[in-house]
Amino acid sequence: MVRRIGGPEVLEVEERSVPEPRRGQVRLRVLAAGVAYGDLMRAKGVMPVRRPFTPGYDVVGEIDAVGPGVSDERLGARVGAILPAIGTGGYAEHVCVAAKTTVPVPDAVSADVAVALGVNYISARQILHGLCRIQSGQTVLVHGASGGVGTALVDVAVLAGANVWGTASAAKHDVVRARGAVPIDYRTEDFVERVLAETDGGVDHVTESVGPEQLDRSVAATRRGGTVVFFGLTTASGPAALLRSAWTFVRLWATSGRRLRFYGFGSTPGSRMAVCVHDWTSLLTDAAAGQLNPLIGARVPLLEAASAHDLLGRGAVTGKIVLMG
């Protein structure tokens, strides 16, 4: 539970009665919950949210109760679920969600892997296939390529047959390389010069998650007619960053000669609940077939969610952080 604006210290453990599912709902005993950068941004007040709130976009759990209108045959099934109020509610021992929005988890996929394939990989799929319309043989630059969303973007792009460059600190280059991308050290190298030297006029697509101060340079690294998808603010420290980002985005959209697109999970076209359910189902199928294997950087007990926020905020973990119930 988060009652005030701040860092990891504002997360509190609160005991509540176990919720009862309403008509058309199922209750999940949560086995794993995803930790996303949006959780930190809401806690810090960068993204608006009504307080108090419980963070968390997605969970995987076992159905332990069903509401009226839902068959008892669903009891005991392992499923994934995106919380209906996007970005809130997942850090809990039990959650109730609409039965029709749950995603069956194959027996071959563990709960932590299944939730790691949730919001991060759904976002990656929707950014690359939906907005970029990625094709085999194209070129992609992924910023923050060693993080939770970054590794997902690399994996989805490589699976699509793209040639990928990924920015990361030197200590994390082995991770980027192991996922099939060419690492670029953002601290010592100019990523614009690097990709322009190694491509024909720039990459086809850039996924930009840092902030407005880097958006111009990401555009410069993209060929004319290419696509830049802006979806994050990892350097943001307050609501003013949203206004700066909006102004920079509009300016470049109007003048750059590139296709600029904005992506927000659950809010932009092509990211509604039904589409997310479809995409998560497909990703789980790919994982069961051995085509996707998300990198889990840390598994943290649910009651220690504050330490998970600390790890993510400091960039101390490569890959996805998962809370275990």
Protein backbone atom coordinates (compact mmCIF):
# COMPACT_ATOMS: atom_id res chain seq x y z
CA MET A 1 0.00 0.00 0.00
CA VAL A 2 1.24 3.51 -0.87
CA ARG A 3 -0.29 6.48 0.97
CA ARG A 4 2.19 9.28 0.21
CA ILE A 5 4.66 10.34 -2.45
CA GLY A 6 8.18 8.99 -2.15
CA GLY A 7 10.61 6.18 -2.82
CA PRO A 8 10.71 2.59 -1.58
CA GLU A 9 10.18 3.78 2.00
CA VAL A 10 6.53 4.70 1.29
CA LEU A 11 5.47 1.09 0.66
CA GLU A 12 3.56 -0.29 3.64
CA VAL A 13 2.20 -3.75 4.46
CA GLU A 14 -1.52 -3.63 5.16
CA GLU A 15 -3.72 -6.52 6.27
CA ARG A 16 -7.20 -6.76 4.77
CA SER A 17 -9.90 -9.40 4.64
CA VAL A 18 -9.68 -11.79 1.71
CA PRO A 19 -11.88 -10.40 -1.12
CA GLU A 20 -14.88 -12.33 -2.43
CA PRO A 21 -15.36 -12.60 -6.19
CA ARG A 22 -18.42 -10.91 -7.65
CA ARG A 23 -20.51 -12.16 -10.59
CA GLY A 24 -18.28 -13.15 -13.49
CA GLN A 25 -15.13 -12.94 -11.39
CA VAL A 26 -12.54 -15.38 -10.12
CA ARG A 27 -10.28 -14.98 -7.11
CA LEU A 28 -6.59 -15.76 -7.47
CA ARG A 29 -4.19 -16.83 -4.78
CA VAL A 30 -1.22 -14.89 -6.11
CA LEU A 31 1.89 -16.95 -6.85
CA ALA A 32 3.89 -14.21 -8.57
CA ALA A 33 3.44 -10.50 -9.28
CA GLY A 34 5.41 -8.34 -11.68
CA VAL A 35 7.34 -5.24 -10.65
CA ALA A 36 7.31 -2.50 -13.30
CA TYR A 37 8.90 0.91 -13.61
CA GLY A 38 5.43 2.39 -13.69
CA ASP A 39 5.04 1.23 -10.08
CA LEU A 40 7.94 3.46 -9.05
CA MET A 41 6.65 6.38 -11.12
CA ARG A 42 3.26 6.24 -9.43
CA ALA A 43 4.85 6.04 -6.01
CA LYS A 44 7.07 9.05 -6.80
CA GLY A 45 4.14 11.06 -8.10
CA VAL A 46 5.41 11.24 -11.70
CA MET A 47 2.32 9.35 -12.90
CA PRO A 48 -0.97 10.51 -11.35
CA VAL A 49 -2.90 8.03 -9.21
CA ARG A 50 -5.46 8.30 -6.44
CA ARG A 51 -3.91 7.49 -3.06
CA PRO A 52 -3.79 5.26 -1.16
CA PHE A 53 -3.16 2.60 -3.79
CA THR A 54 -1.59 -0.82 -4.16
CA PRO A 55 0.95 -1.03 -7.02
CA GLY A 56 1.09 -3.82 -9.56
CA TYR A 57 0.05 -4.39 -13.16
CA ASP A 58 -0.01 -8.17 -13.49
CA VAL A 59 -0.12 -11.38 -11.50
CA VAL A 60 -0.08 -15.13 -11.97
CA GLY A 61 -2.02 -17.21 -9.50
CA GLU A 62 -4.24 -20.16 -8.78
CA ILE A 63 -8.01 -19.76 -8.89
CA ASP A 64 -9.26 -20.54 -5.39
CA ALA A 65 -12.80 -19.14 -5.60
CA VAL A 66 -15.31 -18.29 -8.33
CA GLY A 67 -18.18 -15.84 -8.36
CA PRO A 68 -21.73 -16.40 -9.62
CA GLY A 69 -21.82 -17.26 -13.30
CA VAL A 70 -18.36 -18.88 -13.34
CA SER A 71 -18.00 -22.66 -13.53
CA ASP A 72 -16.48 -24.50 -10.57
CA GLU A 73 -14.32 -26.29 -13.14
CA ARG A 74 -12.06 -23.23 -13.11
CA LEU A 75 -11.01 -23.92 -9.51
CA GLY A 76 -7.35 -24.83 -9.22
CA ALA A 77 -6.38 -23.50 -12.64
CA ARG A 78 -3.20 -21.43 -12.96
CA VAL A 79 -3.84 -18.21 -14.84
CA GLY A 80 -2.36 -14.82 -15.51
CA ALA A 81 -4.29 -11.61 -15.03
CA ILE A 82 -3.82 -7.91 -15.72
CA LEU A 83 -5.42 -5.86 -12.98
CA PRO A 84 -8.50 -3.98 -14.21
CA ALA A 85 -7.34 -0.59 -12.86
CA ILE A 86 -4.17 -0.53 -14.96
CA GLY A 87 -1.04 -0.37 -12.80
CA THR A 88 -2.73 -0.88 -9.45
CA GLY A 89 -3.69 -3.86 -7.31
CA GLY A 90 -1.13 -6.55 -8.08
CA TYR A 91 0.97 -6.50 -4.90
CA ALA A 92 -1.46 -8.66 -2.94
CA GLU A 93 -1.91 -12.20 -1.70
CA HIS A 94 -5.36 -12.46 -3.30
CA VAL A 95 -6.96 -10.53 -6.18
CA CYS A 96 -10.35 -10.73 -7.90
CA VAL A 97 -10.55 -10.24 -11.65
CA ALA A 98 -13.04 -10.88 -14.45
CA ALA A 99 -12.86 -14.54 -15.47
CA LYS A 100 -12.95 -13.63 -19.17
CA THR A 101 -9.74 -11.60 -18.88
CA THR A 102 -7.61 -14.38 -17.38
CA VAL A 103 -4.92 -16.13 -19.42
CA PRO A 104 -4.28 -19.89 -18.99
CA VAL A 105 -0.68 -20.65 -18.03
CA PRO A 106 0.73 -23.81 -19.70
CA ASP A 107 2.04 -26.52 -17.38
CA ALA A 108 5.51 -26.11 -18.91
CA VAL A 109 5.75 -22.46 -17.80
CA SER A 110 6.46 -21.58 -14.14
CA ALA A 111 4.56 -18.80 -12.39
CA ASP A 112 7.56 -16.45 -12.24
CA VAL A 113 8.35 -16.91 -15.94
CA ALA A 114 4.67 -16.46 -16.82
CA VAL A 115 4.41 -13.13 -15.03
CA ALA A 116 7.74 -12.00 -16.50
CA LEU A 117 6.05 -12.49 -19.88
CA GLY A 118 3.21 -10.21 -18.79
CA VAL A 119 3.26 -6.43 -19.05
CA ASN A 120 6.88 -6.18 -20.27
CA TYR A 121 6.60 -8.64 -23.14
CA ILE A 122 3.06 -7.59 -24.01
CA SER A 123 4.38 -4.03 -24.30
CA ALA A 124 7.33 -5.17 -26.41
CA ARG A 125 5.06 -7.11 -28.75
CA GLN A 126 2.64 -4.21 -29.15
CA ILE A 127 5.43 -1.66 -29.67
CA LEU A 128 7.36 -3.69 -32.23
CA HIS A 129 4.59 -5.49 -34.10
CA GLY A 130 1.77 -3.01 -33.60
CA LEU A 131 3.49 0.39 -33.88
CA CYS A 132 6.78 -0.36 -35.65
CA ARG A 133 5.35 -3.11 -37.88
CA ILE A 134 8.69 -4.83 -37.61
CA GLN A 135 9.87 -7.07 -40.44
CA SER A 136 12.60 -9.69 -40.64
CA GLY A 137 15.93 -8.15 -41.61
CA GLN A 138 15.11 -4.68 -40.28
CA THR A 139 17.28 -2.84 -37.76
CA VAL A 140 16.26 -1.82 -34.23
CA LEU A 141 17.89 0.22 -31.45
CA VAL A 142 16.69 -0.61 -27.94
CA HIS A 143 17.57 1.72 -25.08
CA GLY A 144 18.01 0.20 -21.64
CA ALA A 145 18.48 -3.18 -23.27
CA SER A 146 19.44 -5.00 -20.07
CA GLY A 147 16.33 -4.05 -18.09
CA GLY A 148 12.98 -5.75 -17.79
CA VAL A 149 11.32 -4.07 -20.77
CA GLY A 150 14.63 -3.77 -22.61
CA THR A 151 15.36 -7.49 -22.60
CA ALA A 152 11.76 -8.12 -23.65
CA LEU A 153 12.13 -5.75 -26.61
CA VAL A 154 15.40 -7.39 -27.63
CA ASP A 155 13.87 -10.87 -27.39
CA VAL A 156 10.77 -9.97 -29.40
CA ALA A 157 12.83 -8.15 -32.05
CA VAL A 158 15.31 -11.01 -32.40
CA LEU A 159 12.46 -13.53 -32.61
CA ALA A 160 11.03 -11.44 -35.47
CA GLY A 161 14.35 -11.72 -37.32
CA ALA A 162 15.56 -8.16 -36.76
CA ASN A 163 19.15 -6.97 -36.28
CA VAL A 164 19.30 -5.30 -32.88
CA TRP A 165 21.58 -2.83 -31.10
CA GLY A 166 21.06 -2.24 -27.40
CA THR A 167 22.38 0.47 -25.06
CA ALA A 168 23.53 -0.61 -21.60
CA SER A 169 26.38 -0.03 -19.18
CA ALA A 170 29.54 -2.01 -19.94
CA ALA A 171 28.97 -4.33 -16.98
CA LYS A 172 25.73 -5.53 -18.58
CA HIS A 173 26.98 -6.06 -22.13
CA ASP A 174 27.21 -9.81 -21.70
CA VAL A 175 23.48 -9.86 -20.96
CA VAL A 176 22.67 -7.83 -24.07
CA ARG A 177 24.96 -9.95 -26.22
CA ALA A 178 23.49 -13.19 -24.88
CA ARG A 179 20.00 -12.06 -25.94
CA GLY A 180 21.24 -11.64 -29.51
CA ALA A 181 21.85 -7.87 -29.68
CA VAL A 182 24.96 -5.77 -30.29
CA PRO A 183 25.74 -3.82 -27.09
CA ILE A 184 26.56 -0.10 -27.01
CA ASP A 185 28.01 1.50 -23.89
CA TYR A 186 25.85 4.59 -23.39
CA ARG A 187 28.39 6.02 -20.93
CA THR A 188 31.41 6.02 -23.23
CA GLU A 189 30.01 5.74 -26.77
CA ASP A 190 27.82 8.01 -28.88
CA PHE A 191 25.01 5.68 -29.90
CA VAL A 192 24.03 7.97 -32.80
CA GLU A 193 27.51 7.81 -34.34
CA ARG A 194 27.68 4.06 -33.74
CA VAL A 195 24.43 3.11 -35.47
CA LEU A 196 24.96 5.59 -38.32
CA ALA A 197 28.36 4.00 -38.95
CA GLU A 198 26.92 0.48 -38.95
CA THR A 199 23.65 1.04 -40.85
CA ASP A 200 22.50 2.70 -44.04
CA GLY A 201 21.36 6.08 -42.75
CA GLY A 202 20.19 4.90 -39.35
CA VAL A 203 18.10 2.10 -37.87
CA ASP A 204 14.54 1.36 -38.95
CA HIS A 205 13.13 1.57 -35.42
CA VAL A 206 14.12 3.00 -32.03
CA THR A 207 12.39 2.23 -28.74
CA GLU A 208 12.93 5.25 -26.51
CA SER A 209 12.35 5.00 -22.76
CA VAL A 210 14.78 7.46 -21.20
CA GLY A 211 13.16 10.88 -21.45
CA PRO A 212 12.85 14.10 -23.44
CA GLU A 213 16.54 14.93 -23.18
CA GLN A 214 17.40 11.92 -25.35
CA LEU A 215 14.49 11.90 -27.78
CA ASP A 216 16.23 14.23 -30.28
CA ARG A 217 19.25 11.93 -30.43
CA SER A 218 17.10 8.84 -30.87
CA VAL A 219 15.45 10.55 -33.84
CA ALA A 220 18.92 11.33 -35.24
CA ALA A 221 19.79 7.62 -35.03
CA THR A 222 16.72 6.68 -37.08
CA ARG A 223 16.59 6.69 -40.88
CA ARG A 224 14.17 9.10 -42.51
CA GLY A 225 10.76 7.43 -42.60
CA GLY A 226 11.74 5.16 -39.72
CA THR A 227 9.85 4.79 -36.45
CA VAL A 228 10.65 6.07 -32.96
CA VAL A 229 8.37 4.80 -30.20
CA PHE A 230 8.44 6.84 -26.99
CA PHE A 231 7.12 4.88 -24.04
CA GLY A 232 8.98 5.71 -20.84
CA LEU A 233 10.55 8.28 -18.55
CA THR A 234 13.24 6.47 -16.60
CA THR A 235 15.00 9.75 -15.80
CA ALA A 236 11.85 11.61 -14.74
CA SER A 237 11.76 13.14 -11.27
CA GLY A 238 8.39 14.87 -11.27
CA PRO A 239 5.22 15.73 -13.24
CA ALA A 240 7.03 18.53 -15.10
CA ALA A 241 8.91 15.85 -17.03
CA LEU A 242 5.61 14.78 -18.60
CA LEU A 243 5.07 18.28 -19.99
CA ARG A 244 8.62 18.50 -21.33
CA SER A 245 8.23 15.10 -22.95
CA ALA A 246 4.91 16.07 -24.56
CA TRP A 247 6.37 19.27 -26.01
CA THR A 248 9.49 17.52 -27.33
CA PHE A 249 7.38 14.72 -28.81
CA VAL A 250 5.02 17.12 -30.62
CA ARG A 251 7.91 19.20 -31.97
CA LEU A 252 9.72 16.19 -33.39
CA TRP A 253 6.51 14.61 -34.66
CA ALA A 254 5.90 17.73 -36.75
CA THR A 255 9.43 18.36 -38.01
CA SER A 256 11.66 15.28 -37.92
CA GLY A 257 10.61 13.31 -41.00
CA ARG A 258 10.31 10.19 -38.84
CA ARG A 259 7.24 8.32 -37.64
CA LEU A 260 6.97 9.23 -33.95
CA ARG A 261 4.59 7.15 -31.91
CA PHE A 262 3.69 7.16 -28.22
CA TYR A 263 2.94 3.95 -26.33
CA GLY A 264 1.22 3.60 -22.98
CA PHE A 265 0.29 0.16 -21.67
CA GLY A 266 -3.49 -0.16 -21.55
CA SER A 267 -4.08 3.38 -22.77
CA THR A 268 -3.03 3.65 -26.41
CA PRO A 269 -4.91 2.06 -29.33
CA GLY A 270 -3.93 -1.57 -29.74
CA SER A 271 -3.32 -1.99 -26.01
CA ARG A 272 -6.80 -2.62 -24.66
CA MET A 273 -7.52 -5.52 -22.34
CA ALA A 274 -8.75 -7.96 -25.00
CA VAL A 275 -5.62 -7.37 -27.09
CA CYS A 276 -3.37 -7.77 -24.05
CA VAL A 277 -5.04 -11.08 -23.20
CA HIS A 278 -4.49 -12.29 -26.77
CA ASP A 279 -0.85 -11.17 -26.80
CA TRP A 280 -0.05 -12.72 -23.41
CA THR A 281 -1.57 -16.00 -24.54
CA SER A 282 0.64 -16.00 -27.64
CA LEU A 283 3.74 -15.17 -25.62
CA LEU A 284 3.05 -18.02 -23.19
CA THR A 285 2.68 -20.36 -26.15
CA ASP A 286 6.07 -19.20 -27.46
CA ALA A 287 7.62 -19.77 -24.03
CA ALA A 288 6.15 -23.26 -23.73
CA ALA A 289 7.67 -24.03 -27.14
CA GLY A 290 11.09 -22.81 -25.97
CA GLN A 291 11.14 -19.71 -28.19
CA LEU A 292 11.10 -17.16 -25.35
CA ASN A 293 12.92 -17.34 -22.04
CA PRO A 294 12.60 -14.09 -20.07
CA LEU A 295 15.49 -12.99 -17.92
CA ILE A 296 14.47 -12.81 -14.26
CA GLY A 297 16.94 -10.70 -12.36
CA ALA A 298 15.49 -11.08 -8.88
CA ARG A 299 12.75 -12.97 -7.07
CA VAL A 300 11.67 -11.03 -3.99
CA PRO A 301 9.11 -12.07 -1.34
CA LEU A 302 5.87 -10.10 -1.62
CA LEU A 303 6.27 -8.65 1.87
CA GLU A 304 9.64 -7.22 0.84
CA ALA A 305 8.28 -5.21 -2.11
CA ALA A 306 10.11 -2.10 -0.88
CA SER A 307 13.45 -3.82 -1.50
CA ALA A 308 12.28 -4.68 -5.04
CA HIS A 309 11.56 -0.98 -5.67
CA ASP A 310 15.00 -0.12 -4.32
CA LEU A 311 16.69 -2.60 -6.67
CA LEU A 312 14.74 -1.36 -9.69
CA GLY A 313 15.25 2.30 -8.85
CA ARG A 314 19.03 1.87 -8.55
CA GLY A 315 19.29 -0.20 -11.72
CA ALA A 316 20.88 -2.91 -9.61
CA VAL A 317 19.23 -5.82 -11.45
CA THR A 318 19.26 -6.95 -15.06
CA GLY A 319 16.00 -8.31 -16.39
CA LYS A 320 12.64 -8.54 -14.62
CA ILE A 321 11.99 -8.33 -10.88
CA VAL A 322 9.24 -10.63 -9.66
CA LEU A 323 7.46 -10.67 -6.31
CA MET A 324 6.80 -14.20 -5.08
CA GLY A 325 3.69 -14.92 -3.05
